[in-house]
Amino acid sequence: MKIGVIGLGRMGGNIVRRLTRAGHACVVYDANPEPGAMLAKEGATAAASVPALVEALGPSPRTVWVMLPAGKITEDTIAQLGSLMKAGDVIIDGGNTNFKDDVRRARELAPKGIKYLDIGTSGGVWGLARGYCLMIGGDTETVTRLDPIFAALAPGLGDIERTAGREAADPRAERGYIHAGPVGSGHFVKMIHNGIEYGMMQAFAEGFDIMRHRADDKLPADERYDLNLGDIAEVWRRGSVVTSWLLDLTASALAKDAHLESFSGHVEDSGEGRWTIEAAIEEAVPADVLAASLFVRFRSRQQHTFAEKVLSAMRLGFGGHVEAPKK
């Protein structure tokens, strides 16, 4: 299939590479011409502007995937595409957009006959090799028609043990992508995914911080332990019930830098954690752990602990998120 991709950063560029390697034709654009030129050498077609990208896609129905940071740049790009595209064309937002913005955009594009999909995309900087977990919101006909794109981006069955009892269920889920529901549902599910991620990361961070402080000289001498955190992270990866990719990233970071000296512990949040708490408030659902993990990130910008260094190390590992310069 032929698809346009706008935004060729940490994830957008690798999305293009994965699609190109699967035999799909990609027309690409980024405000910085360098990544487009690089991808052109790998089989994509680089466009000099958004209008040029739409024109290069040929006649309708055309599909453009926007992979830009949430906010004005995504808003402006989708508005521009809405003025250039025609009935039957599809605009996909694969970034971390607030699901309520998706609902509004789809409503605004509907009179023009332009379809809109929101796709929660998880995989970070590892997506090229591992594939992307996709949570898709939109109408069934459009999602079904673009299935070859989603199947190419998703991880596939891989070597993960299959879940018993799912023989009659939608096979897409175990291949790493789902049609979550109507517009907005994809980003809503991804938002909750990221909120849960905050809580899981915080649990690991606090646990390693407690172990690190067990050697404190304020404790009774016979209750002090000088623990090797790198070894603990590694052994937990081997058969423990807390085994996870986040633990893998923690073990990797500690193996490279046992004291995480290269991290300040300044931990940003990219929006999804806040939106998750807002949704919990709207629904009157208690979310104690998720709320606390978000507030810890706020506190980390004022004072830093080893726990926040662990959080920073995990964020760098899965998403390439570089923290504020160490002061």
C-alpha atoms as a PDB file:
ATOM      1  CA  MET A   1       0.000   0.000   0.000  1.00  0.00           C
ATOM      2  CA  LYS A   2       1.001   3.650  -0.385  1.00  0.00           C
ATOM      3  CA  ILE A   3       1.057   5.934   2.653  1.00  0.00           C
ATOM      4  CA  GLY A   4       2.354   9.360   3.592  1.00  0.00           C
ATOM      5  CA  VAL A   5       4.153   9.902   6.903  1.00  0.00           C
ATOM      6  CA  ILE A   6       4.682  13.351   8.410  1.00  0.00           C
ATOM      7  CA  GLY A   7       7.119  13.627  11.312  1.00  0.00           C
ATOM      8  CA  LEU A   8      10.316  11.592  11.067  1.00  0.00           C
ATOM      9  CA  GLY A   9      11.628  11.742  14.615  1.00  0.00           C
ATOM     10  CA  ARG A  10      12.511   8.888  16.981  1.00  0.00           C
ATOM     11  CA  MET A  11       9.406   6.872  16.104  1.00  0.00           C
ATOM     12  CA  GLY A  12       8.220   8.315  12.792  1.00  0.00           C
ATOM     13  CA  GLY A  13      11.415   7.490  10.934  1.00  0.00           C
ATOM     14  CA  ASN A  14      11.423   3.894  12.128  1.00  0.00           C
ATOM     15  CA  ILE A  15       7.742   3.492  11.272  1.00  0.00           C
ATOM     16  CA  VAL A  16       8.688   4.401   7.697  1.00  0.00           C
ATOM     17  CA  ARG A  17      11.585   1.936   7.723  1.00  0.00           C
ATOM     18  CA  ARG A  18       9.418  -0.900   9.001  1.00  0.00           C
ATOM     19  CA  LEU A  19       6.748  -0.195   6.370  1.00  0.00           C
ATOM     20  CA  THR A  20       9.287   0.136   3.566  1.00  0.00           C
ATOM     21  CA  ARG A  21      10.952  -3.146   4.508  1.00  0.00           C
ATOM     22  CA  ALA A  22       7.526  -4.804   4.384  1.00  0.00           C
ATOM     23  CA  GLY A  23       7.046  -3.614   0.800  1.00  0.00           C
ATOM     24  CA  HIS A  24       4.822  -0.575   1.362  1.00  0.00           C
ATOM     25  CA  ALA A  25       5.481   2.676  -0.526  1.00  0.00           C
ATOM     26  CA  CYS A  26       6.089   5.640   1.789  1.00  0.00           C
ATOM     27  CA  VAL A  27       6.070   9.329   0.920  1.00  0.00           C
ATOM     28  CA  VAL A  28       7.640  11.262   3.784  1.00  0.00           C
ATOM     29  CA  TYR A  29       7.979  14.824   5.047  1.00  0.00           C
ATOM     30  CA  ASP A  30       9.609  16.524   8.004  1.00  0.00           C
ATOM     31  CA  ALA A  31      10.337  20.188   8.655  1.00  0.00           C
ATOM     32  CA  ASN A  32      13.981  19.112   8.905  1.00  0.00           C
ATOM     33  CA  PRO A  33      14.924  17.783   5.441  1.00  0.00           C
ATOM     34  CA  GLU A  34      17.757  15.551   6.697  1.00  0.00           C
ATOM     35  CA  PRO A  35      15.728  12.540   7.929  1.00  0.00           C
ATOM     36  CA  GLY A  36      13.665  12.584   4.743  1.00  0.00           C
ATOM     37  CA  ALA A  37      16.808  12.541   2.614  1.00  0.00           C
ATOM     38  CA  MET A  38      18.142   9.630   4.665  1.00  0.00           C
ATOM     39  CA  LEU A  39      14.924   7.665   4.289  1.00  0.00           C
ATOM     40  CA  ALA A  40      14.913   8.348   0.538  1.00  0.00           C
ATOM     41  CA  LYS A  41      18.170   6.380   0.348  1.00  0.00           C
ATOM     42  CA  GLU A  42      16.320   3.491   2.040  1.00  0.00           C
ATOM     43  CA  GLY A  43      13.453   3.371  -0.414  1.00  0.00           C
ATOM     44  CA  ALA A  44      11.037   6.113   0.647  1.00  0.00           C
ATOM     45  CA  THR A  45      10.070   9.169  -1.413  1.00  0.00           C
ATOM     46  CA  ALA A  46      10.885  12.486   0.266  1.00  0.00           C
ATOM     47  CA  ALA A  47       8.522  15.423  -0.231  1.00  0.00           C
ATOM     48  CA  ALA A  48       9.520  19.070   0.208  1.00  0.00           C
ATOM     49  CA  SER A  49       6.241  20.143   1.838  1.00  0.00           C
ATOM     50  CA  VAL A  50       2.917  18.867   3.111  1.00  0.00           C
ATOM     51  CA  PRO A  51       1.103  19.804  -0.145  1.00  0.00           C
ATOM     52  CA  ALA A  52       3.846  18.057  -2.128  1.00  0.00           C
ATOM     53  CA  LEU A  53       3.404  14.934  -0.018  1.00  0.00           C
ATOM     54  CA  VAL A  54      -0.360  14.847  -0.624  1.00  0.00           C
ATOM     55  CA  GLU A  55       0.163  15.358  -4.358  1.00  0.00           C
ATOM     56  CA  ALA A  56       2.803  12.604  -4.507  1.00  0.00           C
ATOM     57  CA  LEU A  57       0.338  10.131  -3.011  1.00  0.00           C
ATOM     58  CA  GLY A  58      -1.717  10.325  -6.200  1.00  0.00           C
ATOM     59  CA  PRO A  59      -5.492   9.994  -6.497  1.00  0.00           C
ATOM     60  CA  SER A  60      -7.864   9.256  -3.616  1.00  0.00           C
ATOM     61  CA  PRO A  61      -8.204   7.343  -1.431  1.00  0.00           C
ATOM     62  CA  ARG A  62      -4.984   8.589   0.139  1.00  0.00           C
ATOM     63  CA  THR A  63      -3.686   7.937   3.642  1.00  0.00           C
ATOM     64  CA  VAL A  64      -1.395  10.173   5.703  1.00  0.00           C
ATOM     65  CA  TRP A  65       0.029   9.176   9.086  1.00  0.00           C
ATOM     66  CA  VAL A  66       0.957  12.140  11.319  1.00  0.00           C
ATOM     67  CA  MET A  67       3.640  11.311  13.898  1.00  0.00           C
ATOM     68  CA  LEU A  68       4.278  14.587  15.679  1.00  0.00           C
ATOM     69  CA  PRO A  69       4.228  15.774  19.316  1.00  0.00           C
ATOM     70  CA  ALA A  70       0.770  16.475  20.727  1.00  0.00           C
ATOM     71  CA  GLY A  71      -0.254  20.111  20.635  1.00  0.00           C
ATOM     72  CA  LYS A  72      -0.119  22.961  18.133  1.00  0.00           C
ATOM     73  CA  ILE A  73       2.174  21.301  15.595  1.00  0.00           C
ATOM     74  CA  THR A  74      -0.141  18.293  15.268  1.00  0.00           C
ATOM     75  CA  GLU A  75      -3.244  20.490  15.309  1.00  0.00           C
ATOM     76  CA  ASP A  76      -1.899  22.718  12.534  1.00  0.00           C
ATOM     77  CA  THR A  77      -0.707  19.803  10.412  1.00  0.00           C
ATOM     78  CA  ILE A  78      -4.050  17.987  10.568  1.00  0.00           C
ATOM     79  CA  ALA A  79      -5.890  21.211   9.774  1.00  0.00           C
ATOM     80  CA  GLN A  80      -3.640  21.695   6.730  1.00  0.00           C
ATOM     81  CA  LEU A  81      -4.220  18.119   5.596  1.00  0.00           C
ATOM     82  CA  GLY A  82      -7.945  18.650   6.033  1.00  0.00           C
ATOM     83  CA  SER A  83      -7.773  21.513   3.533  1.00  0.00           C
ATOM     84  CA  LEU A  84      -5.764  19.471   1.010  1.00  0.00           C
ATOM     85  CA  MET A  85      -7.395  16.041   1.144  1.00  0.00           C
ATOM     86  CA  LYS A  86     -10.690  14.851  -0.302  1.00  0.00           C
ATOM     87  CA  ALA A  87     -13.606  12.573   0.519  1.00  0.00           C
ATOM     88  CA  GLY A  88     -12.441   9.020   1.100  1.00  0.00           C
ATOM     89  CA  ASP A  89      -8.953  10.066   2.188  1.00  0.00           C
ATOM     90  CA  VAL A  90      -7.692   9.085   5.637  1.00  0.00           C
ATOM     91  CA  ILE A  91      -5.771  11.080   8.242  1.00  0.00           C
ATOM     92  CA  ILE A  92      -4.109   9.092  11.027  1.00  0.00           C
ATOM     93  CA  ASP A  93      -2.743  10.644  14.208  1.00  0.00           C
ATOM     94  CA  GLY A  94      -0.265   8.175  15.696  1.00  0.00           C
ATOM     95  CA  GLY A  95       1.185  10.474  18.355  1.00  0.00           C
ATOM     96  CA  ASN A  96       0.175  10.842  21.982  1.00  0.00           C
ATOM     97  CA  THR A  97      -2.861  13.057  21.459  1.00  0.00           C
ATOM     98  CA  ASN A  98      -5.636  13.630  23.984  1.00  0.00           C
ATOM     99  CA  PHE A  99      -8.553  11.432  22.884  1.00  0.00           C
ATOM    100  CA  LYS A 100     -10.997  14.338  23.216  1.00  0.00           C
ATOM    101  CA  ASP A 101      -9.086  16.195  20.498  1.00  0.00           C
ATOM    102  CA  ASP A 102      -9.534  13.138  18.261  1.00  0.00           C
ATOM    103  CA  VAL A 103     -13.293  13.213  18.717  1.00  0.00           C
ATOM    104  CA  ARG A 104     -13.384  16.911  17.820  1.00  0.00           C
ATOM    105  CA  ARG A 105     -11.152  16.513  14.757  1.00  0.00           C
ATOM    106  CA  ALA A 106     -13.148  13.597  13.390  1.00  0.00           C
ATOM    107  CA  ARG A 107     -16.317  15.634  13.806  1.00  0.00           C
ATOM    108  CA  GLU A 108     -14.752  18.592  11.935  1.00  0.00           C
ATOM    109  CA  LEU A 109     -13.464  16.406   9.078  1.00  0.00           C
ATOM    110  CA  ALA A 110     -16.676  14.387   8.661  1.00  0.00           C
ATOM    111  CA  PRO A 111     -18.553  16.957   6.487  1.00  0.00           C
ATOM    112  CA  LYS A 112     -15.682  16.740   3.972  1.00  0.00           C
ATOM    113  CA  GLY A 113     -15.895  12.951   3.890  1.00  0.00           C
ATOM    114  CA  ILE A 114     -12.338  12.630   5.229  1.00  0.00           C
ATOM    115  CA  LYS A 115     -11.832   9.664   7.552  1.00  0.00           C
ATOM    116  CA  TYR A 116      -9.870  10.034  10.783  1.00  0.00           C
ATOM    117  CA  LEU A 117      -8.116   7.334  12.800  1.00  0.00           C
ATOM    118  CA  ASP A 118      -6.360   7.752  16.138  1.00  0.00           C
ATOM    119  CA  ILE A 119      -3.667   5.193  16.877  1.00  0.00           C
ATOM    120  CA  GLY A 120      -2.017   4.776  20.233  1.00  0.00           C
ATOM    121  CA  THR A 121       1.482   3.648  19.271  1.00  0.00           C
ATOM    122  CA  SER A 122       3.756   1.920  21.780  1.00  0.00           C
ATOM    123  CA  GLY A 123       7.248   0.708  21.040  1.00  0.00           C
ATOM    124  CA  GLY A 124       9.477   3.728  21.433  1.00  0.00           C
ATOM    125  CA  VAL A 125      12.933   3.642  19.917  1.00  0.00           C
ATOM    126  CA  TRP A 126      12.805  -0.172  19.766  1.00  0.00           C
ATOM    127  CA  GLY A 127       9.834  -0.327  17.400  1.00  0.00           C
ATOM    128  CA  LEU A 128      11.854  -0.954  14.244  1.00  0.00           C
ATOM    129  CA  ALA A 129      13.218  -4.236  15.584  1.00  0.00           C
ATOM    130  CA  ARG A 130      10.428  -5.276  17.955  1.00  0.00           C
ATOM    131  CA  GLY A 131       7.403  -3.868  16.160  1.00  0.00           C
ATOM    132  CA  TYR A 132       4.793  -1.426  17.445  1.00  0.00           C
ATOM    133  CA  CYS A 133       1.859  -2.270  19.694  1.00  0.00           C
ATOM    134  CA  LEU A 134      -1.076  -0.438  18.083  1.00  0.00           C
ATOM    135  CA  MET A 135      -4.376   0.613  19.647  1.00  0.00           C
ATOM    136  CA  ILE A 136      -6.626   1.875  16.842  1.00  0.00           C
ATOM    137  CA  GLY A 137      -9.712   4.060  17.037  1.00  0.00           C
ATOM    138  CA  GLY A 138     -11.984   4.719  14.060  1.00  0.00           C
ATOM    139  CA  ASP A 139     -14.630   3.250  11.780  1.00  0.00           C
ATOM    140  CA  THR A 140     -14.485  -0.452  10.981  1.00  0.00           C
ATOM    141  CA  GLU A 141     -14.382  -0.118   7.191  1.00  0.00           C
ATOM    142  CA  THR A 142     -11.322   2.148   7.219  1.00  0.00           C
ATOM    143  CA  VAL A 143      -9.482   0.126   9.847  1.00  0.00           C
ATOM    144  CA  THR A 144     -10.118  -3.074   7.889  1.00  0.00           C
ATOM    145  CA  ARG A 145      -9.003  -1.549   4.587  1.00  0.00           C
ATOM    146  CA  LEU A 146      -5.699  -0.370   6.098  1.00  0.00           C
ATOM    147  CA  ASP A 147      -5.025  -3.651   7.876  1.00  0.00           C
ATOM    148  CA  PRO A 148      -1.885  -4.424   5.791  1.00  0.00           C
ATOM    149  CA  ILE A 149      -0.283  -1.255   7.189  1.00  0.00           C
ATOM    150  CA  PHE A 150      -1.071  -2.167  10.774  1.00  0.00           C
ATOM    151  CA  ALA A 151      -0.039  -5.787  10.353  1.00  0.00           C
ATOM    152  CA  ALA A 152       3.343  -4.676   8.982  1.00  0.00           C
ATOM    153  CA  LEU A 153       3.972  -2.348  11.920  1.00  0.00           C
ATOM    154  CA  ALA A 154       2.814  -4.747  14.645  1.00  0.00           C
ATOM    155  CA  PRO A 155       5.198  -7.240  16.290  1.00  0.00           C
ATOM    156  CA  GLY A 156       3.333 -10.362  15.165  1.00  0.00           C
ATOM    157  CA  LEU A 157       3.061 -13.534  17.230  1.00  0.00           C
ATOM    158  CA  GLY A 158       6.770 -13.672  17.980  1.00  0.00           C
ATOM    159  CA  ASP A 159       7.899 -16.127  20.645  1.00  0.00           C
ATOM    160  CA  ILE A 160       5.469 -15.034  23.380  1.00  0.00           C
ATOM    161  CA  GLU A 161       3.482 -17.958  24.757  1.00  0.00           C
ATOM    162  CA  ARG A 162      -0.059 -17.898  23.390  1.00  0.00           C
ATOM    163  CA  THR A 163      -2.918 -17.326  25.830  1.00  0.00           C
ATOM    164  CA  ALA A 164      -5.148 -20.343  26.311  1.00  0.00           C
ATOM    165  CA  GLY A 165      -8.835 -19.762  25.618  1.00  0.00           C
ATOM    166  CA  ARG A 166      -8.350 -17.130  22.894  1.00  0.00           C
ATOM    167  CA  GLU A 167      -8.807 -19.497  19.945  1.00  0.00           C
ATOM    168  CA  ALA A 168     -12.093 -17.870  18.898  1.00  0.00           C
ATOM    169  CA  ALA A 169     -11.046 -14.290  19.737  1.00  0.00           C
ATOM    170  CA  ASP A 170      -9.900 -11.548  17.339  1.00  0.00           C
ATOM    171  CA  PRO A 171      -6.455 -12.738  16.158  1.00  0.00           C
ATOM    172  CA  ARG A 172      -5.137  -9.201  15.767  1.00  0.00           C
ATOM    173  CA  ALA A 173      -4.693  -8.734  19.515  1.00  0.00           C
ATOM    174  CA  GLU A 174      -2.118 -11.505  19.870  1.00  0.00           C
ATOM    175  CA  ARG A 175      -0.302 -10.128  16.836  1.00  0.00           C
ATOM    176  CA  GLY A 176       0.119  -6.804  18.613  1.00  0.00           C
ATOM    177  CA  TYR A 177      -2.675  -4.560  17.347  1.00  0.00           C
ATOM    178  CA  ILE A 178      -6.373  -4.034  18.038  1.00  0.00           C
ATOM    179  CA  HIS A 179      -9.322  -2.066  16.746  1.00  0.00           C
ATOM    180  CA  ALA A 180     -10.248  -0.596  20.122  1.00  0.00           C
ATOM    181  CA  GLY A 181     -13.482   1.067  19.003  1.00  0.00           C
ATOM    182  CA  PRO A 182     -14.698   4.375  17.507  1.00  0.00           C
ATOM    183  CA  VAL A 183     -12.624   7.521  17.124  1.00  0.00           C
ATOM    184  CA  GLY A 184     -10.837   8.461  20.331  1.00  0.00           C
ATOM    185  CA  SER A 185     -10.752   4.970  21.777  1.00  0.00           C
ATOM    186  CA  GLY A 186      -7.279   4.196  20.477  1.00  0.00           C
ATOM    187  CA  HIS A 187      -5.658   7.143  22.195  1.00  0.00           C
ATOM    188  CA  PHE A 188      -7.828   6.595  25.285  1.00  0.00           C
ATOM    189  CA  VAL A 189      -6.485   3.047  25.672  1.00  0.00           C
ATOM    190  CA  LYS A 190      -2.920   4.245  25.019  1.00  0.00           C
ATOM    191  CA  MET A 191      -3.417   6.997  27.600  1.00  0.00           C
ATOM    192  CA  ILE A 192      -4.372   4.440  30.255  1.00  0.00           C
ATOM    193  CA  HIS A 193      -1.434   2.265  29.125  1.00  0.00           C
ATOM    194  CA  ASN A 194       0.920   5.163  29.824  1.00  0.00           C
ATOM    195  CA  GLY A 195      -0.738   5.933  33.150  1.00  0.00           C
ATOM    196  CA  ILE A 196      -0.188   2.320  34.211  1.00  0.00           C
ATOM    197  CA  GLU A 197       3.382   2.607  32.953  1.00  0.00           C
ATOM    198  CA  TYR A 198       3.926   5.526  35.351  1.00  0.00           C
ATOM    199  CA  GLY A 199       2.780   3.382  38.274  1.00  0.00           C
ATOM    200  CA  MET A 200       4.890   0.368  37.285  1.00  0.00           C
ATOM    201  CA  MET A 201       7.965   2.516  36.819  1.00  0.00           C
ATOM    202  CA  GLN A 202       7.412   4.183  40.178  1.00  0.00           C
ATOM    203  CA  ALA A 203       7.123   0.818  41.939  1.00  0.00           C
ATOM    204  CA  PHE A 204      10.460  -0.336  40.510  1.00  0.00           C
ATOM    205  CA  ALA A 205      12.070   3.022  41.278  1.00  0.00           C
ATOM    206  CA  GLU A 206      10.966   3.050  44.918  1.00  0.00           C
ATOM    207  CA  GLY A 207      11.930  -0.578  45.435  1.00  0.00           C
ATOM    208  CA  PHE A 208      15.460  -0.051  44.159  1.00  0.00           C
ATOM    209  CA  ASP A 209      15.769   3.124  46.226  1.00  0.00           C
ATOM    210  CA  ILE A 210      14.814   1.224  49.404  1.00  0.00           C
ATOM    211  CA  MET A 211      17.391  -1.455  48.635  1.00  0.00           C
ATOM    212  CA  ARG A 212      20.057   1.141  47.927  1.00  0.00           C
ATOM    213  CA  HIS A 213      19.522   2.759  51.332  1.00  0.00           C
ATOM    214  CA  ARG A 214      19.777  -0.528  53.227  1.00  0.00           C
ATOM    215  CA  ALA A 215      23.498   0.178  53.771  1.00  0.00           C
ATOM    216  CA  ASP A 216      22.719   3.428  55.618  1.00  0.00           C
ATOM    217  CA  ASP A 217      24.859   3.842  58.739  1.00  0.00           C
ATOM    218  CA  LYS A 218      21.785   4.973  60.694  1.00  0.00           C
ATOM    219  CA  LEU A 219      20.515   1.385  60.629  1.00  0.00           C
ATOM    220  CA  PRO A 220      21.636  -1.310  63.097  1.00  0.00           C
ATOM    221  CA  ALA A 221      24.966  -2.708  61.926  1.00  0.00           C
ATOM    222  CA  ASP A 222      23.688  -6.275  61.638  1.00  0.00           C
ATOM    223  CA  GLU A 223      20.708  -5.167  59.523  1.00  0.00           C
ATOM    224  CA  ARG A 224      22.706  -3.271  56.923  1.00  0.00           C
ATOM    225  CA  TYR A 225      23.143  -4.799  53.473  1.00  0.00           C
ATOM    226  CA  ASP A 226      25.386  -3.493  50.729  1.00  0.00           C
ATOM    227  CA  LEU A 227      23.286  -4.874  47.890  1.00  0.00           C
ATOM    228  CA  ASN A 228      24.358  -5.212  44.274  1.00  0.00           C
ATOM    229  CA  LEU A 229      21.388  -3.626  42.515  1.00  0.00           C
ATOM    230  CA  GLY A 230      22.581  -4.666  39.080  1.00  0.00           C
ATOM    231  CA  ASP A 231      22.643  -8.314  40.110  1.00  0.00           C
ATOM    232  CA  ILE A 232      19.230  -8.017  41.742  1.00  0.00           C
ATOM    233  CA  ALA A 233      17.710  -6.493  38.600  1.00  0.00           C
ATOM    234  CA  GLU A 234      19.311  -9.250  36.541  1.00  0.00           C
ATOM    235  CA  VAL A 235      18.151 -12.141  38.719  1.00  0.00           C
ATOM    236  CA  TRP A 236      14.610 -10.760  38.821  1.00  0.00           C
ATOM    237  CA  ARG A 237      14.591 -10.938  35.018  1.00  0.00           C
ATOM    238  CA  ARG A 238      15.060 -14.710  35.250  1.00  0.00           C
ATOM    239  CA  GLY A 239      11.754 -16.278  36.266  1.00  0.00           C
ATOM    240  CA  SER A 240      10.547 -13.648  38.740  1.00  0.00           C
ATOM    241  CA  VAL A 241       6.894 -12.570  38.732  1.00  0.00           C
ATOM    242  CA  VAL A 242       7.998  -8.948  38.218  1.00  0.00           C
ATOM    243  CA  THR A 243       9.787  -9.759  34.960  1.00  0.00           C
ATOM    244  CA  SER A 244       9.037  -7.054  32.386  1.00  0.00           C
ATOM    245  CA  TRP A 245      10.587  -4.879  29.708  1.00  0.00           C
ATOM    246  CA  LEU A 246      10.839  -2.055  32.260  1.00  0.00           C
ATOM    247  CA  LEU A 247      12.911  -4.360  34.463  1.00  0.00           C
ATOM    248  CA  ASP A 248      15.044  -5.267  31.435  1.00  0.00           C
ATOM    249  CA  LEU A 249      15.758  -1.580  30.876  1.00  0.00           C
ATOM    250  CA  THR A 250      16.558  -1.059  34.560  1.00  0.00           C
ATOM    251  CA  ALA A 251      18.991  -3.987  34.548  1.00  0.00           C
ATOM    252  CA  SER A 252      20.663  -2.634  31.412  1.00  0.00           C
ATOM    253  CA  ALA A 253      21.054   0.853  32.906  1.00  0.00           C
ATOM    254  CA  LEU A 254      22.497  -0.486  36.185  1.00  0.00           C
ATOM    255  CA  ALA A 255      24.927  -2.738  34.307  1.00  0.00           C
ATOM    256  CA  LYS A 256      26.313   0.311  32.513  1.00  0.00           C
ATOM    257  CA  ASP A 257      26.289   2.665  35.526  1.00  0.00           C
ATOM    258  CA  ALA A 258      25.724   1.040  38.926  1.00  0.00           C
ATOM    259  CA  HIS A 259      25.038   4.366  40.670  1.00  0.00           C
ATOM    260  CA  LEU A 260      23.256   6.021  37.707  1.00  0.00           C
ATOM    261  CA  GLU A 261      25.604   8.978  38.053  1.00  0.00           C
ATOM    262  CA  SER A 262      24.829  10.131  34.524  1.00  0.00           C
ATOM    263  CA  PHE A 263      21.207  10.867  35.502  1.00  0.00           C
ATOM    264  CA  SER A 264      20.074  13.855  37.548  1.00  0.00           C
ATOM    265  CA  GLY A 265      16.657  12.398  38.375  1.00  0.00           C
ATOM    266  CA  HIS A 266      14.713  15.218  36.697  1.00  0.00           C
ATOM    267  CA  VAL A 267      11.700  13.318  35.295  1.00  0.00           C
ATOM    268  CA  GLU A 268       9.342  14.900  32.779  1.00  0.00           C
ATOM    269  CA  ASP A 269       5.816  13.756  31.955  1.00  0.00           C
ATOM    270  CA  SER A 270       4.505  13.902  28.407  1.00  0.00           C
ATOM    271  CA  GLY A 271       0.813  14.408  29.186  1.00  0.00           C
ATOM    272  CA  GLU A 272      -0.771  10.966  29.208  1.00  0.00           C
ATOM    273  CA  GLY A 273      -0.383  10.517  32.976  1.00  0.00           C
ATOM    274  CA  ARG A 274      -2.199  13.785  33.617  1.00  0.00           C
ATOM    275  CA  TRP A 275      -4.990  12.869  31.189  1.00  0.00           C
ATOM    276  CA  THR A 276      -5.347   9.466  32.854  1.00  0.00           C
ATOM    277  CA  ILE A 277      -5.928  11.119  36.228  1.00  0.00           C
ATOM    278  CA  GLU A 278      -8.385  13.555  34.651  1.00  0.00           C
ATOM    279  CA  ALA A 279     -10.321  10.588  33.213  1.00  0.00           C
ATOM    280  CA  ALA A 280     -10.324   8.888  36.621  1.00  0.00           C
ATOM    281  CA  ILE A 281     -11.766  12.054  38.176  1.00  0.00           C
ATOM    282  CA  GLU A 282     -14.462  12.294  35.463  1.00  0.00           C
ATOM    283  CA  GLU A 283     -15.418   8.665  36.091  1.00  0.00           C
ATOM    284  CA  ALA A 284     -15.054   8.869  39.902  1.00  0.00           C
ATOM    285  CA  VAL A 285     -12.639   5.924  39.790  1.00  0.00           C
ATOM    286  CA  PRO A 286      -9.971   5.752  42.533  1.00  0.00           C
ATOM    287  CA  ALA A 287      -6.455   5.814  41.032  1.00  0.00           C
ATOM    288  CA  ASP A 288      -4.219   6.202  44.068  1.00  0.00           C
ATOM    289  CA  VAL A 289      -1.053   4.644  42.628  1.00  0.00           C
ATOM    290  CA  LEU A 290      -1.275   6.366  39.245  1.00  0.00           C
ATOM    291  CA  ALA A 291      -1.930   9.775  40.806  1.00  0.00           C
ATOM    292  CA  ALA A 292       0.947   9.401  43.256  1.00  0.00           C
ATOM    293  CA  SER A 293       3.354   8.378  40.485  1.00  0.00           C
ATOM    294  CA  LEU A 294       2.442  11.511  38.515  1.00  0.00           C
ATOM    295  CA  PHE A 295       3.013  13.795  41.511  1.00  0.00           C
ATOM    296  CA  VAL A 296       6.414  12.198  42.107  1.00  0.00           C
ATOM    297  CA  ARG A 297       7.428  13.369  38.638  1.00  0.00           C
ATOM    298  CA  PHE A 298       6.411  16.902  39.560  1.00  0.00           C
ATOM    299  CA  ARG A 299       8.461  16.694  42.764  1.00  0.00           C
ATOM    300  CA  SER A 300      11.478  15.325  40.883  1.00  0.00           C
ATOM    301  CA  ARG A 301      11.941  18.692  39.208  1.00  0.00           C
ATOM    302  CA  GLN A 302      12.593  20.272  42.599  1.00  0.00           C
ATOM    303  CA  GLN A 303      14.537  17.555  44.428  1.00  0.00           C
ATOM    304  CA  HIS A 304      16.008  14.322  43.134  1.00  0.00           C
ATOM    305  CA  THR A 305      16.438  10.882  44.650  1.00  0.00           C
ATOM    306  CA  PHE A 306      17.963   7.652  43.373  1.00  0.00           C
ATOM    307  CA  ALA A 307      14.417   6.504  42.597  1.00  0.00           C
ATOM    308  CA  GLU A 308      14.033   9.360  40.129  1.00  0.00           C
ATOM    309  CA  LYS A 309      17.347   8.392  38.510  1.00  0.00           C
ATOM    310  CA  VAL A 310      15.914   4.907  37.963  1.00  0.00           C
ATOM    311  CA  LEU A 311      12.824   6.490  36.369  1.00  0.00           C
ATOM    312  CA  SER A 312      15.001   8.598  34.079  1.00  0.00           C
ATOM    313  CA  ALA A 313      17.029   5.558  33.079  1.00  0.00           C
ATOM    314  CA  MET A 314      13.869   3.649  32.117  1.00  0.00           C
ATOM    315  CA  ARG A 315      12.474   6.588  30.111  1.00  0.00           C
ATOM    316  CA  LEU A 316      15.734   6.904  28.190  1.00  0.00           C
ATOM    317  CA  GLY A 317      15.746   3.161  27.556  1.00  0.00           C
ATOM    318  CA  PHE A 318      12.273   2.731  26.073  1.00  0.00           C
ATOM    319  CA  GLY A 319      11.628   6.104  24.507  1.00  0.00           C
ATOM    320  CA  GLY A 320      14.931   7.898  24.084  1.00  0.00           C
ATOM    321  CA  HIS A 321      13.655  10.621  26.431  1.00  0.00           C
ATOM    322  CA  VAL A 322      16.660  12.704  27.454  1.00  0.00           C
ATOM    323  CA  GLU A 323      16.189  14.424  30.813  1.00  0.00           C
ATOM    324  CA  ALA A 324      17.015  18.070  31.536  1.00  0.00           C
ATOM    325  CA  PRO A 325      20.773  18.746  31.813  1.00  0.00           C
ATOM    326  CA  LYS A 326      22.293  17.712  35.151  1.00  0.00           C
ATOM    327  CA  LYS A 327      22.883  20.746  37.387  1.00  0.00           C
END
